[in-house]
Amino acid sequence: MLQYHAVILASGKGSRLGALTANKPKCLLPLGSETIIERQIRLLQDSGVSRITMIVGYRRDALAAGRPRWTLSRGLRGLGRSS
């Protein structure tokens, strides 16, 4: 069985969004009933992607907070979702 791996680039500050991203990265902004990153993950999983890696930078601590199923890799300084 084929397994798909996706990479999400979520490292930008979102400086053009001004005050909306002063305390959190743009991928945590709401988009309907979920955040942008939650929507991306859900759509990827719905498409059969079994492993997702996020390339993070700005406020990566905010991405991991409150998400126990996500692991922060210190060596790669990335955020991946564990299954």
C-alpha atoms as a PDB file:
ATOM      1  CA  MET A   1       0.000   0.000   0.000  1.00  0.00           C
ATOM      2  CA  LEU A   2       1.310   3.418  -0.922  1.00  0.00           C
ATOM      3  CA  GLN A   3       1.838   5.895   1.892  1.00  0.00           C
ATOM      4  CA  TYR A   4       1.817   9.587   1.194  1.00  0.00           C
ATOM      5  CA  HIS A   5       3.870  12.176   3.057  1.00  0.00           C
ATOM      6  CA  ALA A   6       3.045  15.883   2.877  1.00  0.00           C
ATOM      7  CA  VAL A   7       5.063  18.921   3.888  1.00  0.00           C
ATOM      8  CA  ILE A   8       3.310  22.092   5.023  1.00  0.00           C
ATOM      9  CA  LEU A   9       5.285  25.332   4.978  1.00  0.00           C
ATOM     10  CA  ALA A  10       4.099  27.212   8.074  1.00  0.00           C
ATOM     11  CA  SER A  11       7.046  29.391   8.968  1.00  0.00           C
ATOM     12  CA  GLY A  12       6.067  32.885   7.864  1.00  0.00           C
ATOM     13  CA  LYS A  13       5.269  35.808  10.138  1.00  0.00           C
ATOM     14  CA  GLY A  14       2.301  36.964   8.131  1.00  0.00           C
ATOM     15  CA  SER A  15       3.541  40.549   8.372  1.00  0.00           C
ATOM     16  CA  ARG A  16       1.025  41.778   5.778  1.00  0.00           C
ATOM     17  CA  LEU A  17      -1.770  40.687   8.127  1.00  0.00           C
ATOM     18  CA  GLY A  18      -0.637  43.230  10.717  1.00  0.00           C
ATOM     19  CA  ALA A  19      -2.159  42.937  14.193  1.00  0.00           C
ATOM     20  CA  LEU A  20      -3.835  39.606  13.383  1.00  0.00           C
ATOM     21  CA  THR A  21      -0.453  37.869  13.553  1.00  0.00           C
ATOM     22  CA  ALA A  22       1.228  39.904  16.286  1.00  0.00           C
ATOM     23  CA  ASN A  23       0.951  37.059  18.817  1.00  0.00           C
ATOM     24  CA  LYS A  24       0.430  33.974  16.661  1.00  0.00           C
ATOM     25  CA  PRO A  25       1.487  32.638  13.283  1.00  0.00           C
ATOM     26  CA  LYS A  26      -0.901  33.088  10.362  1.00  0.00           C
ATOM     27  CA  CYS A  27      -1.584  29.341  10.174  1.00  0.00           C
ATOM     28  CA  LEU A  28      -3.398  29.632  13.548  1.00  0.00           C
ATOM     29  CA  LEU A  29      -5.830  32.255  12.270  1.00  0.00           C
ATOM     30  CA  PRO A  30      -9.446  31.074  12.137  1.00  0.00           C
ATOM     31  CA  LEU A  31     -10.932  29.958   8.861  1.00  0.00           C
ATOM     32  CA  GLY A  32     -14.568  29.213   9.545  1.00  0.00           C
ATOM     33  CA  SER A  33     -14.818  26.795  12.464  1.00  0.00           C
ATOM     34  CA  GLU A  34     -11.159  25.713  12.394  1.00  0.00           C
ATOM     35  CA  THR A  35      -7.726  27.254  12.004  1.00  0.00           C
ATOM     36  CA  ILE A  36      -5.927  27.389   8.678  1.00  0.00           C
ATOM     37  CA  ILE A  37      -3.497  24.655   9.744  1.00  0.00           C
ATOM     38  CA  GLU A  38      -6.263  22.408  11.087  1.00  0.00           C
ATOM     39  CA  ARG A  39      -8.035  22.718   7.749  1.00  0.00           C
ATOM     40  CA  GLN A  40      -4.871  21.865   5.825  1.00  0.00           C
ATOM     41  CA  ILE A  41      -4.240  18.804   8.004  1.00  0.00           C
ATOM     42  CA  ARG A  42      -7.847  17.613   7.756  1.00  0.00           C
ATOM     43  CA  LEU A  43      -7.906  17.956   3.965  1.00  0.00           C
ATOM     44  CA  LEU A  44      -4.585  16.141   3.615  1.00  0.00           C
ATOM     45  CA  GLN A  45      -5.747  13.304   5.863  1.00  0.00           C
ATOM     46  CA  ASP A  46      -9.049  13.099   3.968  1.00  0.00           C
ATOM     47  CA  SER A  47      -6.964  12.716   0.787  1.00  0.00           C
ATOM     48  CA  GLY A  48      -5.080   9.733   2.195  1.00  0.00           C
ATOM     49  CA  VAL A  49      -1.921  11.407   3.471  1.00  0.00           C
ATOM     50  CA  SER A  50      -0.604   9.381   6.411  1.00  0.00           C
ATOM     51  CA  ARG A  51       2.362  11.516   7.481  1.00  0.00           C
ATOM     52  CA  ILE A  52       2.506  15.304   7.708  1.00  0.00           C
ATOM     53  CA  THR A  53       5.566  17.391   8.473  1.00  0.00           C
ATOM     54  CA  MET A  54       5.352  21.122   9.095  1.00  0.00           C
ATOM     55  CA  ILE A  55       8.248  23.463   8.488  1.00  0.00           C
ATOM     56  CA  VAL A  56       7.854  26.059  11.212  1.00  0.00           C
ATOM     57  CA  GLY A  57       9.607  29.205  12.310  1.00  0.00           C
ATOM     58  CA  TYR A  58       7.765  32.196  13.730  1.00  0.00           C
ATOM     59  CA  ARG A  59       6.030  31.338  17.029  1.00  0.00           C
ATOM     60  CA  ARG A  60       6.519  27.586  16.646  1.00  0.00           C
ATOM     61  CA  ASP A  61       5.844  27.315  20.394  1.00  0.00           C
ATOM     62  CA  ALA A  62       2.274  28.507  19.745  1.00  0.00           C
ATOM     63  CA  LEU A  63       1.749  25.680  17.246  1.00  0.00           C
ATOM     64  CA  ALA A  64       2.672  22.933  19.717  1.00  0.00           C
ATOM     65  CA  ALA A  65       0.774  24.430  22.675  1.00  0.00           C
ATOM     66  CA  GLY A  66      -2.383  22.496  23.462  1.00  0.00           C
ATOM     67  CA  ARG A  67      -1.746  19.875  20.780  1.00  0.00           C
ATOM     68  CA  PRO A  68      -0.496  16.751  22.570  1.00  0.00           C
ATOM     69  CA  ARG A  69      -0.527  14.626  19.402  1.00  0.00           C
ATOM     70  CA  TRP A  70       2.027  16.897  17.751  1.00  0.00           C
ATOM     71  CA  THR A  71       5.698  16.463  18.512  1.00  0.00           C
ATOM     72  CA  LEU A  72       8.404  19.100  18.286  1.00  0.00           C
ATOM     73  CA  SER A  73      11.614  17.788  16.807  1.00  0.00           C
ATOM     74  CA  ARG A  74      14.526  19.642  18.354  1.00  0.00           C
ATOM     75  CA  GLY A  75      17.116  18.365  15.909  1.00  0.00           C
ATOM     76  CA  LEU A  76      15.250  19.464  12.815  1.00  0.00           C
ATOM     77  CA  ARG A  77      13.400  22.299  14.522  1.00  0.00           C
ATOM     78  CA  GLY A  78      10.235  21.197  12.824  1.00  0.00           C
ATOM     79  CA  LEU A  79       6.815  20.181  13.941  1.00  0.00           C
ATOM     80  CA  GLY A  80       5.350  16.883  12.912  1.00  0.00           C
ATOM     81  CA  ARG A  81       2.055  15.276  13.695  1.00  0.00           C
ATOM     82  CA  SER A  82       2.373  11.847  15.219  1.00  0.00           C
ATOM     83  CA  SER A  83      -0.115   9.159  14.336  1.00  0.00           C
END
